Amino acid sequence: MIFDQINSFLLDLPIYLLNGLLWLVYALVGSLSALLSAGAATVMALVVDSTVQQLSGSRPLRQGRGESPPITRTAQILTAGVFLLWFGAQWGMGAPVPWIGAAMWLTGLAAVLISPAQRFNLLWFVKSGVAVYALAVIGSRLYLNMTSEVSPEAWAGMLGTAQTAVNIVANTRGNVTTVIVWALWLVIPLGYFSLLVQKLFQNPVSLVNPLASYADMLAMLRDRGGR
């Protein structure tokens, strides 16, 4: 009897493993947008924010005099806060909102990496843009939940009869929902991406070293290219 159970378990084991693998793949695909956002935020915090913090906290010291100020973690804390805000906002949202947010994180990170001369301003713009989009998503979800939970009878005291309340609430909710969809799917993302491109091309790149930051340019001017 025991051997039959063991034999049956061994025969079913590949099916169990395959089902577990498929469940893992489906879970990863379903959370891919969140994972991409998390990856972009992690690279931004560990690579870009760290560099900006070191530059903002550094200062030239005379030989044997003074101490370097402590390096703060303000930029990384801001990145973590914006990501947590966005992660909570997109949780449970259907496409394309989570993918739009992931695209905002990825394109923002790419813009910061390819334009070190404008890194500080771009970092602030990317984080504030994602935060505004997250707040818009949260606000829209709160409005839709509130209007779906309130019964027409609750509005009847202010709007007249229950049938009048039904008509007004239905029409208003439909119009506002349309505005929300346009704002979350097109208006806010389009404004973010267009302003990001504008900021990238706002200042000309260095013809000597296009990937140099302002700190690198100042260092080259101080030592005249090492000569």
Protein backbone atom coordinates (compact mmCIF):
# COMPACT_ATOMS: atom_id res chain seq x y z
CA MET A 1 0.00 0.00 0.00
CA ILE A 2 2.77 2.38 0.93
CA PHE A 3 4.74 1.47 -2.17
CA ASP A 4 1.69 2.17 -4.32
CA GLN A 5 1.35 5.62 -2.77
CA ILE A 6 5.05 6.33 -3.30
CA ASN A 7 4.83 5.14 -6.88
CA SER A 8 1.76 7.30 -7.51
CA PHE A 9 3.51 10.31 -5.95
CA LEU A 10 6.60 9.80 -8.14
CA LEU A 11 4.43 9.54 -11.23
CA ASP A 12 2.56 12.73 -10.33
CA LEU A 13 5.67 14.63 -9.25
CA PRO A 14 6.52 15.98 -12.76
CA ILE A 15 2.96 17.35 -13.04
CA TYR A 16 3.29 19.05 -9.66
CA LEU A 17 6.62 20.55 -10.66
CA LEU A 18 5.24 21.71 -14.00
CA ASN A 19 2.21 23.31 -12.33
CA GLY A 20 4.44 25.05 -9.82
CA LEU A 21 6.68 26.31 -12.61
CA LEU A 22 3.71 27.58 -14.58
CA TRP A 23 2.33 29.32 -11.48
CA LEU A 24 5.70 31.00 -10.93
CA VAL A 25 5.86 32.13 -14.57
CA TYR A 26 2.31 33.52 -14.45
CA ALA A 27 3.08 35.32 -11.17
CA LEU A 28 6.23 36.87 -12.63
CA VAL A 29 4.46 37.93 -15.81
CA GLY A 30 1.61 39.42 -13.81
CA SER A 31 4.08 41.35 -11.65
CA LEU A 32 6.52 42.20 -14.45
CA SER A 33 5.61 45.88 -14.54
CA ALA A 34 6.12 46.20 -10.78
CA LEU A 35 9.42 44.33 -11.03
CA LEU A 36 10.62 46.67 -13.78
CA SER A 37 9.68 49.69 -11.67
CA ALA A 38 11.48 48.19 -8.67
CA GLY A 39 14.58 47.48 -10.76
CA ALA A 40 14.70 51.02 -12.14
CA ALA A 41 14.18 52.51 -8.68
CA THR A 42 16.92 50.28 -7.24
CA VAL A 43 19.45 51.28 -9.91
CA MET A 44 18.50 54.92 -9.43
CA ALA A 45 19.00 54.71 -5.67
CA LEU A 46 22.21 52.68 -5.63
CA VAL A 47 23.98 54.17 -8.64
CA VAL A 48 22.67 57.63 -9.50
CA ASP A 49 21.51 58.87 -6.10
CA SER A 50 24.72 57.69 -4.49
CA THR A 51 26.83 59.65 -6.97
CA VAL A 52 24.72 62.79 -6.60
CA GLN A 53 24.90 62.59 -2.82
CA GLN A 54 28.67 62.28 -2.85
CA LEU A 55 29.01 65.28 -5.14
CA SER A 56 26.60 67.41 -3.14
CA GLY A 57 28.36 66.62 0.12
CA SER A 58 31.94 66.97 -1.09
CA ARG A 59 34.04 70.12 -0.81
CA PRO A 60 37.69 70.93 -1.41
CA LEU A 61 39.72 70.89 1.83
CA ARG A 62 43.05 72.46 2.62
CA GLN A 63 45.84 70.07 3.44
CA GLY A 64 45.35 68.73 6.96
CA ARG A 65 42.48 71.09 7.71
CA GLY A 66 38.82 70.48 8.09
CA GLU A 67 36.73 67.38 7.68
CA SER A 68 34.45 66.27 4.91
CA PRO A 69 30.77 66.66 5.80
CA PRO A 70 28.81 63.44 6.36
CA ILE A 71 27.14 61.97 3.31
CA THR A 72 23.36 62.12 3.64
CA ARG A 73 20.87 59.69 2.18
CA THR A 74 18.22 62.23 1.22
CA ALA A 75 18.16 61.34 -2.49
CA GLN A 76 17.90 57.62 -1.79
CA ILE A 77 15.18 58.16 0.79
CA LEU A 78 13.20 60.20 -1.74
CA THR A 79 13.57 57.45 -4.34
CA ALA A 80 12.42 54.80 -1.85
CA GLY A 81 9.47 56.94 -0.79
CA VAL A 82 8.35 57.61 -4.36
CA PHE A 83 8.65 53.93 -5.25
CA LEU A 84 6.61 52.83 -2.22
CA LEU A 85 3.98 55.42 -3.14
CA TRP A 86 3.87 54.14 -6.72
CA PHE A 87 3.90 50.48 -5.65
CA GLY A 88 0.87 51.05 -3.45
CA ALA A 89 -0.90 53.08 -6.15
CA GLN A 90 -0.49 50.48 -8.90
CA TRP A 91 -1.29 47.48 -6.71
CA GLY A 92 -4.32 45.72 -8.15
CA MET A 93 -4.63 48.11 -11.09
CA GLY A 94 -5.19 46.65 -14.51
CA ALA A 95 -3.23 47.47 -17.65
CA PRO A 96 -2.04 49.85 -18.90
CA VAL A 97 -1.56 51.93 -15.72
CA PRO A 98 1.17 49.72 -14.14
CA TRP A 99 3.01 49.56 -17.46
CA ILE A 100 2.80 53.32 -17.92
CA GLY A 101 4.38 53.77 -14.49
CA ALA A 102 7.12 51.26 -15.35
CA ALA A 103 7.81 53.16 -18.57
CA MET A 104 8.05 56.40 -16.59
CA TRP A 105 10.61 54.83 -14.24
CA LEU A 106 12.66 53.27 -17.06
CA THR A 107 12.71 56.28 -19.36
CA GLY A 108 13.48 58.55 -16.42
CA LEU A 109 16.41 56.36 -15.41
CA ALA A 110 17.67 56.25 -19.00
CA ALA A 111 17.46 60.05 -19.28
CA VAL A 112 19.41 60.49 -16.04
CA LEU A 113 22.11 58.06 -17.13
CA ILE A 114 22.66 59.53 -20.61
CA SER A 115 22.65 63.14 -19.42
CA PRO A 116 24.99 63.42 -16.41
CA ALA A 117 25.33 67.18 -16.87
CA GLN A 118 21.63 67.59 -15.93
CA ARG A 119 21.50 64.69 -13.50
CA PHE A 120 20.43 66.62 -10.41
CA ASN A 121 17.50 68.41 -12.07
CA LEU A 122 16.42 65.32 -13.99
CA LEU A 123 16.39 63.22 -10.84
CA TRP A 124 14.02 65.62 -9.15
CA PHE A 125 11.80 65.84 -12.23
CA VAL A 126 11.57 62.05 -12.63
CA LYS A 127 10.73 61.43 -8.99
CA SER A 128 8.20 64.25 -8.79
CA GLY A 129 6.60 63.14 -12.07
CA VAL A 130 6.16 59.55 -10.86
CA ALA A 131 4.86 60.81 -7.51
CA VAL A 132 2.26 63.03 -9.21
CA TYR A 133 1.13 60.13 -11.38
CA ALA A 134 0.89 57.86 -8.33
CA LEU A 135 -1.21 60.44 -6.47
CA ALA A 136 -3.47 60.77 -9.51
CA VAL A 137 -3.98 57.00 -9.57
CA ILE A 138 -4.73 56.92 -5.84
CA GLY A 139 -7.15 59.83 -6.13
CA SER A 140 -9.00 58.21 -9.03
CA ARG A 141 -9.31 54.92 -7.16
CA LEU A 142 -10.65 56.66 -4.07
CA TYR A 143 -13.23 58.54 -6.12
CA LEU A 144 -14.40 55.44 -7.98
CA ASN A 145 -14.63 53.41 -4.77
CA MET A 146 -16.52 56.18 -3.01
CA THR A 147 -19.07 56.64 -5.78
CA SER A 148 -19.60 52.89 -6.18
CA GLU A 149 -20.30 52.36 -2.48
CA VAL A 150 -22.77 55.24 -2.04
CA SER A 151 -26.35 54.16 -2.79
CA PRO A 152 -28.75 56.38 -4.75
CA GLU A 153 -30.96 56.58 -1.66
CA ALA A 154 -28.12 58.29 0.19
CA TRP A 155 -28.08 61.02 -2.47
CA ALA A 156 -31.85 61.34 -2.62
CA GLY A 157 -31.99 63.79 0.30
CA MET A 158 -29.77 66.24 -1.59
CA LEU A 159 -30.78 65.55 -5.18
CA GLY A 160 -34.51 64.87 -4.83
CA THR A 161 -36.03 61.50 -5.61
CA ALA A 162 -34.08 58.27 -5.75
CA GLN A 163 -34.57 58.01 -9.53
CA THR A 164 -33.19 61.50 -10.00
CA ALA A 165 -30.20 60.57 -7.84
CA VAL A 166 -29.64 57.43 -9.92
CA ASN A 167 -29.57 59.41 -13.16
CA ILE A 168 -27.34 62.19 -11.85
CA VAL A 169 -24.87 59.89 -10.12
CA ALA A 170 -24.68 57.56 -13.14
CA ASN A 171 -24.12 60.39 -15.62
CA THR A 172 -21.62 62.20 -13.39
CA ARG A 173 -19.69 59.05 -12.60
CA GLY A 174 -19.54 58.12 -16.27
CA ASN A 175 -18.25 61.55 -17.28
CA VAL A 176 -15.67 61.70 -14.49
CA THR A 177 -14.55 58.14 -15.24
CA THR A 178 -13.94 59.12 -18.85
CA VAL A 179 -11.87 62.10 -17.72
CA ILE A 180 -9.92 59.88 -15.31
CA VAL A 181 -9.16 57.34 -18.04
CA TRP A 182 -7.95 60.04 -20.41
CA ALA A 183 -5.82 61.60 -17.67
CA LEU A 184 -4.21 58.35 -16.49
CA TRP A 185 -3.76 56.79 -19.92
CA LEU A 186 -2.75 59.80 -21.97
CA VAL A 187 -2.64 63.32 -20.51
CA ILE A 188 -0.34 62.86 -17.49
CA PRO A 189 2.03 60.33 -19.15
CA LEU A 190 2.23 62.41 -22.33
CA GLY A 191 3.02 65.53 -20.32
CA TYR A 192 5.71 63.65 -18.38
CA PHE A 193 7.42 62.18 -21.44
CA SER A 194 7.25 65.41 -23.46
CA LEU A 195 8.72 67.48 -20.63
CA LEU A 196 11.41 64.86 -20.08
CA VAL A 197 12.45 65.05 -23.73
CA GLN A 198 12.37 68.85 -23.55
CA LYS A 199 14.67 68.83 -20.53
CA LEU A 200 17.07 66.46 -22.27
CA PHE A 201 17.47 68.81 -25.23
CA GLN A 202 17.25 72.03 -23.24
CA ASN A 203 21.02 72.42 -22.87
CA PRO A 204 23.65 71.49 -25.46
CA VAL A 205 26.01 68.63 -24.65
CA SER A 206 29.73 69.10 -24.22
CA LEU A 207 31.59 68.73 -27.51
CA VAL A 208 34.72 67.57 -25.67
CA ASN A 209 33.15 64.91 -23.45
CA PRO A 210 29.39 64.43 -23.98
CA LEU A 211 29.09 62.10 -20.99
CA ALA A 212 30.84 64.44 -18.56
CA SER A 213 28.97 66.00 -15.68
CA TYR A 214 29.34 69.60 -14.57
CA ALA A 215 31.67 68.45 -11.80
CA ASP A 216 33.89 66.69 -14.36
CA MET A 217 33.95 69.81 -16.54
CA LEU A 218 34.95 72.00 -13.60
CA ALA A 219 37.65 69.52 -12.61
CA MET A 220 39.05 69.59 -16.16
CA LEU A 221 39.10 73.39 -16.11
CA ARG A 222 40.89 73.48 -12.75
CA ASP A 223 43.75 71.19 -13.72
CA ARG A 224 43.60 72.13 -17.43
CA GLY A 225 43.12 68.57 -18.57
CA GLY A 226 45.83 67.22 -16.24
CA ARG A 227 48.61 69.41 -17.61
